[in-house]
Amino acid sequence: MINVTKTFFPPIQSYINQLEKVWTNEWLTNRGELVIELEMELKRHLEVEYMIIMNNGTIPLQIALKLFGRGGEIITTPFSYVATSSSIVWENCLPVFVDIEPDYLTINPEKIEAAITRNTTCILATHVFGNPCDVEAIEIIARKYGLTVIYDAAHCFGVRFNGMSIFKFGDISTCSFHATKLFHTAEGGALFCNEAEVYAKAFYSHNFGHNGPLEFHGLGINGKISELQAAMGLSVLPFMEEILLSRKKIVETYLQHLDFVKIRTMTIRPGTEWNYSYFPIILESEEKLLEIELMLLKEGIKARRYFYPSLNKLPYVDYVNLKESEDISARILCLPLYNSLDLINVVEISDIVNKYSS
């Protein structure tokens, strides 16, 4: 089976070398030596100042919404993974969906302003498949209305926009270090921000609110990552250039062999240094998508409907008709993409898609 994605495993001896430090230190959690080392290495690699590594990619979203959502209305995208919307509802805020840009697949800033009310507290937008939102337009709107901007940047490890890390845009950005991501800690994530005050609040929030062992700044939750996860991250990080280069070759092979008469892919926003995190294709119809998905599966190839369904259709939100998101979510299919995928298989996948999309 060729899966839509596959976890990168570093050489096992690299991981063992890191684990030996854990055994020597006899320290498994509560921000041990490896967690602190990994944070420092990631800050250098990503060129960011304020970062907190956490135990998954959803907890940072929940913390950001707890700090800045204030139980209000959150303007957000319907085209994202479910965690974006579920975090809003989980934190007792109200998701207010606006439609997306059909080419970039990100939230349409031209739709945001009309959705703002006196109860709006935040804009929570997703950089889709590592493709940045229109961050400049969103920033103008946020400043005009005094709103906090949170970016779900789960797919954005290594992405740069206009020469800067994508994590430097907005008030808070979050990222996933899940096993299927480019960089991973088996399970993990991070919160990024640009101000010391926001960092301090987020830091105590991810550690039960602690201010030392016996005092508390305020309300908190357990978002800490373990030394075992940090050991994996430290083992994976040295291979990032190799991972990105191999994924770039795979994407280039898809672009060379797919017939873009009946299908299309997303448009990468100008100014973006992309990370080749996903390769989505958009078919003519949902019927064509289902046919191609089945034909691929018959050849042992697992593609994925991602993102589906459009999040405005979730059972715990108030439905609002959003033409672009609903249309694209019904017709979009992510093809296999991981660093060890053989280019021969990429050509085979492309041939199947071409045959059944025509």
Protein backbone atom coordinates (compact mmCIF):
# COMPACT_ATOMS: atom_id res chain seq x y z
CA MET A 1 0.00 0.00 0.00
CA ILE A 2 1.18 3.48 -0.89
CA ASN A 3 -0.35 5.72 1.76
CA VAL A 4 -1.13 9.40 1.33
CA THR A 5 1.65 10.13 3.81
CA LYS A 6 4.31 8.26 5.73
CA THR A 7 6.22 9.09 8.89
CA PHE A 8 9.90 9.94 8.51
CA PHE A 9 11.96 7.72 10.79
CA PRO A 10 15.49 8.98 11.50
CA PRO A 11 18.28 6.41 11.84
CA ILE A 12 17.48 4.46 14.98
CA GLN A 13 20.95 5.03 16.41
CA SER A 14 20.33 8.80 16.29
CA TYR A 15 17.27 8.32 18.46
CA ILE A 16 19.07 5.94 20.81
CA ASN A 17 21.83 8.50 21.27
CA GLN A 18 19.24 11.04 22.39
CA LEU A 19 17.50 8.51 24.63
CA GLU A 20 20.76 7.79 26.41
CA LYS A 21 20.76 11.40 27.57
CA VAL A 22 17.27 10.90 28.98
CA TRP A 23 18.39 7.80 30.89
CA THR A 24 21.51 9.60 32.15
CA ASN A 25 19.48 12.60 33.33
CA GLU A 26 16.68 10.41 34.73
CA TRP A 27 14.23 13.11 33.66
CA LEU A 28 11.21 12.33 31.50
CA THR A 29 8.99 15.43 31.54
CA ASN A 30 8.52 18.96 32.98
CA ARG A 31 10.79 20.70 30.47
CA GLY A 32 13.93 18.69 30.74
CA GLU A 33 17.26 19.23 29.02
CA LEU A 34 16.16 17.84 25.64
CA VAL A 35 12.98 19.93 25.45
CA ILE A 36 14.96 23.10 26.13
CA GLU A 37 17.63 22.08 23.60
CA LEU A 38 15.00 21.33 20.95
CA GLU A 39 13.32 24.70 21.49
CA MET A 40 16.65 26.48 21.05
CA GLU A 41 17.45 24.54 17.88
CA LEU A 42 14.02 25.17 16.42
CA LYS A 43 14.18 28.89 17.16
CA ARG A 44 17.47 29.06 15.28
CA HIS A 45 16.20 26.93 12.41
CA LEU A 46 12.95 28.89 12.04
CA GLU A 47 14.41 32.31 12.86
CA VAL A 48 11.85 33.11 15.57
CA GLU A 49 12.25 34.61 19.03
CA TYR A 50 9.25 33.42 21.05
CA MET A 51 8.21 29.77 20.86
CA ILE A 52 6.80 27.17 23.24
CA ILE A 53 6.94 23.53 22.23
CA MET A 54 3.84 21.59 23.35
CA ASN A 55 2.43 18.09 23.42
CA ASN A 56 0.29 18.43 20.26
CA GLY A 57 -0.86 20.99 17.71
CA THR A 58 -4.35 21.54 19.14
CA ILE A 59 -3.46 22.63 22.68
CA PRO A 60 -1.73 25.82 21.35
CA LEU A 61 -4.94 26.74 19.51
CA GLN A 62 -6.99 26.18 22.66
CA ILE A 63 -4.59 28.26 24.76
CA ALA A 64 -4.66 31.10 22.22
CA LEU A 65 -8.46 31.09 22.23
CA LYS A 66 -8.61 30.87 26.03
CA LEU A 67 -6.36 33.92 26.30
CA PHE A 68 -7.86 36.08 23.55
CA GLY A 69 -11.22 34.62 22.52
CA ARG A 70 -12.97 35.73 25.72
CA GLY A 71 -16.08 33.74 24.84
CA GLY A 72 -16.71 35.92 21.80
CA GLU A 73 -17.20 35.43 18.10
CA ILE A 74 -14.22 34.08 16.15
CA ILE A 75 -14.14 34.74 12.42
CA THR A 76 -12.69 31.65 10.83
CA THR A 77 -12.38 29.51 7.72
CA PRO A 78 -14.57 26.52 6.86
CA PHE A 79 -11.72 24.96 4.87
CA SER A 80 -9.37 23.50 7.44
CA TYR A 81 -8.90 20.44 9.63
CA VAL A 82 -11.65 19.98 12.21
CA ALA A 83 -9.37 21.04 15.10
CA THR A 84 -9.59 24.65 13.95
CA SER A 85 -13.36 24.78 14.49
CA SER A 86 -13.60 22.32 17.37
CA SER A 87 -11.07 24.36 19.38
CA ILE A 88 -13.28 27.43 19.02
CA VAL A 89 -16.37 25.61 20.25
CA TRP A 90 -14.40 23.78 22.96
CA GLU A 91 -13.29 27.14 24.38
CA ASN A 92 -16.91 28.35 24.52
CA CYS A 93 -16.49 30.76 21.63
CA LEU A 94 -18.68 31.04 18.54
CA PRO A 95 -17.22 30.23 15.10
CA VAL A 96 -18.31 32.70 12.43
CA PHE A 97 -17.45 31.22 9.03
CA VAL A 98 -16.58 33.23 5.96
CA ASP A 99 -15.76 31.77 2.56
CA ILE A 100 -12.38 31.11 0.99
CA GLU A 101 -10.37 32.25 -2.01
CA PRO A 102 -10.87 29.45 -4.58
CA ASP A 103 -7.33 29.64 -5.96
CA TYR A 104 -5.30 29.90 -2.75
CA LEU A 105 -7.86 27.95 -0.65
CA THR A 106 -7.34 30.33 2.29
CA ILE A 107 -9.86 32.60 4.01
CA ASN A 108 -11.09 35.43 1.77
CA PRO A 109 -10.19 38.73 3.48
CA GLU A 110 -12.81 40.54 1.40
CA LYS A 111 -15.47 38.56 3.30
CA ILE A 112 -14.10 39.21 6.79
CA GLU A 113 -15.11 42.80 7.46
CA ALA A 114 -18.82 42.20 6.80
CA ALA A 115 -18.78 39.40 9.42
CA ILE A 116 -17.39 41.57 12.24
CA THR A 117 -19.76 42.48 15.07
CA ARG A 118 -19.39 44.06 18.50
CA ASN A 119 -18.85 40.50 19.83
CA THR A 120 -15.95 39.64 17.51
CA THR A 121 -12.68 39.09 19.38
CA CYS A 122 -10.40 37.18 16.99
CA ILE A 123 -9.70 36.13 13.45
CA LEU A 124 -8.56 32.49 13.33
CA ALA A 125 -7.32 31.68 9.83
CA THR A 126 -5.54 28.64 8.41
CA HIS A 127 -2.54 28.65 6.10
CA VAL A 128 -3.89 25.81 3.94
CA PHE A 129 -1.46 23.02 3.04
CA GLY A 130 1.36 25.44 3.92
CA ASN A 131 -0.02 28.10 1.56
CA PRO A 132 -0.15 31.45 3.41
CA CYS A 133 -3.27 33.51 3.94
CA ASP A 134 -3.35 37.08 2.69
CA VAL A 135 -1.63 38.14 5.91
CA GLU A 136 -1.25 41.78 4.92
CA ALA A 137 -4.96 42.28 4.22
CA ILE A 138 -5.91 40.44 7.42
CA GLU A 139 -3.52 42.59 9.46
CA ILE A 140 -5.12 45.80 8.14
CA ILE A 141 -8.59 44.58 9.12
CA ALA A 142 -7.43 43.37 12.55
CA ARG A 143 -5.79 46.70 13.37
CA LYS A 144 -8.85 48.64 12.23
CA TYR A 145 -11.15 46.73 14.58
CA GLY A 146 -8.73 45.86 17.39
CA LEU A 147 -8.90 42.09 16.80
CA THR A 148 -6.40 39.40 17.72
CA VAL A 149 -5.11 37.36 14.78
CA ILE A 150 -4.42 33.67 15.34
CA TYR A 151 -3.01 31.55 12.53
CA ASP A 152 -3.46 27.80 12.39
CA ALA A 153 -0.13 27.08 10.74
CA ALA A 154 -0.19 23.34 11.37
CA HIS A 155 1.22 22.60 7.89
CA CYS A 156 3.75 25.42 7.80
CA PHE A 157 7.04 24.16 9.19
CA GLY A 158 9.76 25.95 7.23
CA VAL A 159 7.41 28.16 5.19
CA ARG A 160 8.58 31.72 4.59
CA PHE A 161 6.57 34.63 3.22
CA ASN A 162 8.16 37.81 1.86
CA GLY A 163 11.48 36.66 3.30
CA MET A 164 10.23 36.00 6.84
CA SER A 165 9.11 32.95 8.76
CA ILE A 166 5.36 32.52 8.41
CA PHE A 167 5.25 32.21 12.20
CA LYS A 168 6.09 35.91 12.56
CA PHE A 169 2.73 37.02 11.16
CA GLY A 170 -0.31 37.61 13.33
CA ASP A 171 -0.40 37.73 17.12
CA ILE A 172 -0.12 33.97 17.59
CA SER A 173 0.68 31.09 15.24
CA THR A 174 0.44 27.41 16.00
CA CYS A 175 2.09 24.43 14.35
CA SER A 176 1.71 20.65 14.49
CA PHE A 177 4.62 18.26 15.02
CA HIS A 178 2.43 15.22 14.48
CA ALA A 179 4.05 12.07 13.08
CA THR A 180 2.70 12.77 9.58
CA LYS A 181 4.15 16.28 9.37
CA LEU A 182 7.43 17.30 7.70
CA PHE A 183 9.09 17.87 11.04
CA HIS A 184 7.72 15.77 13.87
CA THR A 185 8.20 14.74 17.48
CA ALA A 186 5.91 11.70 17.03
CA GLU A 187 3.17 13.80 18.64
CA GLY A 188 3.63 17.47 19.40
CA GLY A 189 3.22 21.06 18.35
CA ALA A 190 4.21 24.62 19.15
CA LEU A 191 2.92 28.12 19.79
CA PHE A 192 4.69 31.14 18.29
CA CYS A 193 4.19 34.80 19.13
CA ASN A 194 5.97 38.14 18.73
CA GLU A 195 5.61 39.75 22.16
CA ALA A 196 7.14 38.87 25.52
CA GLU A 197 3.86 39.50 27.34
CA VAL A 198 1.94 37.07 25.13
CA TYR A 199 4.73 34.53 25.49
CA ALA A 200 4.61 34.77 29.30
CA LYS A 201 0.84 34.23 29.37
CA ALA A 202 1.02 31.31 26.97
CA PHE A 203 3.92 29.76 28.88
CA TYR A 204 2.17 29.63 32.25
CA SER A 205 -1.04 28.57 30.52
CA HIS A 206 0.63 25.43 29.14
CA ASN A 207 1.97 24.48 32.61
CA PHE A 208 -1.14 24.53 34.81
CA GLY A 209 -0.69 28.26 35.46
CA HIS A 210 2.38 27.69 37.64
CA ASN A 211 4.54 30.55 38.91
CA GLY A 212 7.10 28.35 40.62
CA PRO A 213 6.12 25.14 42.47
CA LEU A 214 3.71 26.70 44.98
CA GLU A 215 2.26 29.82 43.33
CA PHE A 216 0.12 30.40 40.26
CA HIS A 217 -0.14 33.18 37.69
CA GLY A 218 -3.62 32.04 36.72
CA LEU A 219 -5.57 29.35 34.93
CA GLY A 220 -3.60 26.77 32.99
CA ILE A 221 -3.68 23.37 31.35
CA ASN A 222 -1.11 20.63 30.77
CA GLY A 223 0.49 21.26 27.39
CA LYS A 224 3.99 20.02 28.20
CA ILE A 225 5.92 17.72 25.89
CA SER A 226 8.07 14.84 27.15
CA GLU A 227 11.79 14.22 26.81
CA LEU A 228 11.03 11.16 24.67
CA GLN A 229 9.19 13.32 22.13
CA ALA A 230 11.95 15.93 22.23
CA ALA A 231 14.47 13.16 21.57
CA MET A 232 12.59 12.29 18.38
CA GLY A 233 12.53 15.94 17.31
CA LEU A 234 16.26 16.32 17.86
CA SER A 235 16.79 13.18 15.75
CA VAL A 236 14.59 14.39 12.89
CA LEU A 237 15.69 18.04 12.69
CA PRO A 238 19.12 17.39 11.07
CA PHE A 239 17.35 15.76 8.10
CA MET A 240 15.03 18.65 7.25
CA GLU A 241 16.95 19.79 4.17
CA GLU A 242 16.95 16.24 2.81
CA ILE A 243 13.23 15.86 3.53
CA LEU A 244 12.33 19.13 1.80
CA LEU A 245 14.46 18.41 -1.27
CA SER A 246 12.93 14.95 -1.76
CA ARG A 247 9.40 16.32 -1.40
CA LYS A 248 10.19 19.09 -3.87
CA LYS A 249 11.26 16.48 -6.46
CA ILE A 250 8.02 14.57 -5.92
CA VAL A 251 5.90 17.72 -6.39
CA GLU A 252 7.85 18.65 -9.51
CA THR A 253 7.24 15.16 -10.89
CA TYR A 254 3.49 15.47 -10.28
CA LEU A 255 3.49 18.86 -11.98
CA GLN A 256 5.37 17.42 -14.94
CA HIS A 257 3.22 14.30 -15.45
CA LEU A 258 -0.31 15.32 -14.46
CA ASP A 259 -2.61 16.58 -17.20
CA PHE A 260 -3.99 19.91 -15.95
CA VAL A 261 -6.76 20.13 -18.53
CA LYS A 262 -9.44 18.47 -16.39
CA ILE A 263 -7.86 19.02 -12.98
CA ARG A 264 -6.06 21.80 -11.13
CA THR A 265 -4.09 22.27 -7.96
CA MET A 266 -3.91 25.19 -5.56
CA THR A 267 -2.09 28.39 -6.48
CA ILE A 268 0.85 29.18 -4.21
CA ARG A 269 0.61 32.78 -3.03
CA PRO A 270 3.31 35.01 -4.58
CA GLY A 271 6.16 35.71 -2.17
CA THR A 272 5.94 32.23 -0.62
CA GLU A 273 8.82 29.84 -0.03
CA TRP A 274 6.65 26.75 0.17
CA ASN A 275 7.48 23.54 2.05
CA TYR A 276 5.82 20.97 -0.27
CA SER A 277 3.70 19.71 2.60
CA TYR A 278 0.73 18.38 0.58
CA PHE A 279 -0.23 17.89 -3.04
CA PRO A 280 -3.96 18.48 -3.55
CA ILE A 281 -5.76 18.16 -6.85
CA ILE A 282 -9.22 19.57 -7.53
CA LEU A 283 -11.37 17.46 -9.86
CA GLU A 284 -14.25 18.48 -12.13
CA SER A 285 -16.85 16.87 -9.85
CA GLU A 286 -17.27 14.83 -6.71
CA GLU A 287 -18.21 11.86 -8.88
CA LYS A 288 -14.84 12.07 -10.67
CA LEU A 289 -13.08 12.32 -7.30
CA LEU A 290 -14.78 9.18 -6.00
CA GLU A 291 -13.97 7.31 -9.20
CA ILE A 292 -10.29 8.27 -9.11
CA GLU A 293 -10.04 7.55 -5.39
CA LEU A 294 -11.42 4.05 -6.03
CA MET A 295 -9.18 3.38 -9.04
CA LEU A 296 -6.12 4.40 -7.06
CA LEU A 297 -7.16 2.19 -4.17
CA LYS A 298 -7.52 -0.78 -6.51
CA GLU A 299 -3.82 -0.30 -7.32
CA GLY A 300 -2.88 -0.14 -3.66
CA ILE A 301 -2.66 3.67 -3.57
CA LYS A 302 -4.41 5.57 -0.78
CA ALA A 303 -5.29 9.18 -1.54
CA ARG A 304 -7.23 11.31 0.98
CA ARG A 305 -10.21 13.65 0.85
CA TYR A 306 -8.66 16.51 2.76
CA PHE A 307 -10.31 18.75 3.90
CA TYR A 308 -13.75 17.19 3.91
CA PRO A 309 -16.43 18.08 4.81
CA SER A 310 -16.48 21.87 4.76
CA LEU A 311 -16.47 22.76 8.46
CA ASN A 312 -19.64 24.86 8.27
CA LYS A 313 -21.40 21.50 7.94
CA LEU A 314 -20.22 20.15 11.30
CA PRO A 315 -23.08 18.95 13.53
CA TYR A 316 -22.20 21.29 16.41
CA VAL A 317 -22.08 24.59 14.49
CA ASP A 318 -24.79 26.74 12.94
CA TYR A 319 -24.86 26.04 9.21
CA VAL A 320 -24.28 28.90 6.79
CA ASN A 321 -24.06 28.42 3.04
CA LEU A 322 -20.50 28.94 1.79
CA LYS A 323 -20.31 28.23 -1.91
CA GLU A 324 -16.56 28.07 -2.54
CA SER A 325 -15.59 25.99 0.47
CA GLU A 326 -18.42 23.50 0.04
CA ASP A 327 -17.70 23.14 -3.66
CA ILE A 328 -13.95 22.65 -3.30
CA SER A 329 -14.16 20.36 -0.28
CA ALA A 330 -16.35 18.02 -2.35
CA ARG A 331 -13.81 17.89 -5.21
CA ILE A 332 -10.37 18.02 -3.59
CA LEU A 333 -8.12 15.00 -3.17
CA CYS A 334 -4.62 14.89 -1.69
CA LEU A 335 -2.26 12.57 -3.56
CA PRO A 336 0.51 10.61 -1.81
CA LEU A 337 3.47 12.76 -0.80
CA TYR A 338 6.29 11.76 1.53
CA ASN A 339 10.05 11.92 1.30
CA SER A 340 10.64 8.22 0.52
CA LEU A 341 7.96 7.98 -2.20
CA ASP A 342 9.55 6.58 -5.36
CA LEU A 343 9.27 8.85 -8.41
CA ILE A 344 8.22 5.81 -10.46
CA ASN A 345 5.19 5.56 -8.21
CA VAL A 346 4.49 9.27 -8.69
CA VAL A 347 4.37 8.72 -12.45
CA GLU A 348 2.08 5.70 -11.95
CA ILE A 349 -0.27 7.74 -9.74
CA SER A 350 -0.28 10.55 -12.29
CA ASP A 351 -1.15 8.16 -15.10
CA ILE A 352 -4.14 6.80 -13.19
CA VAL A 353 -5.40 10.28 -12.39
CA ASN A 354 -4.98 11.35 -16.01
CA LYS A 355 -6.79 8.27 -17.31
CA TYR A 356 -9.89 8.68 -15.14
CA SER A 357 -10.10 12.48 -15.04
CA SER A 358 -10.49 12.77 -18.82
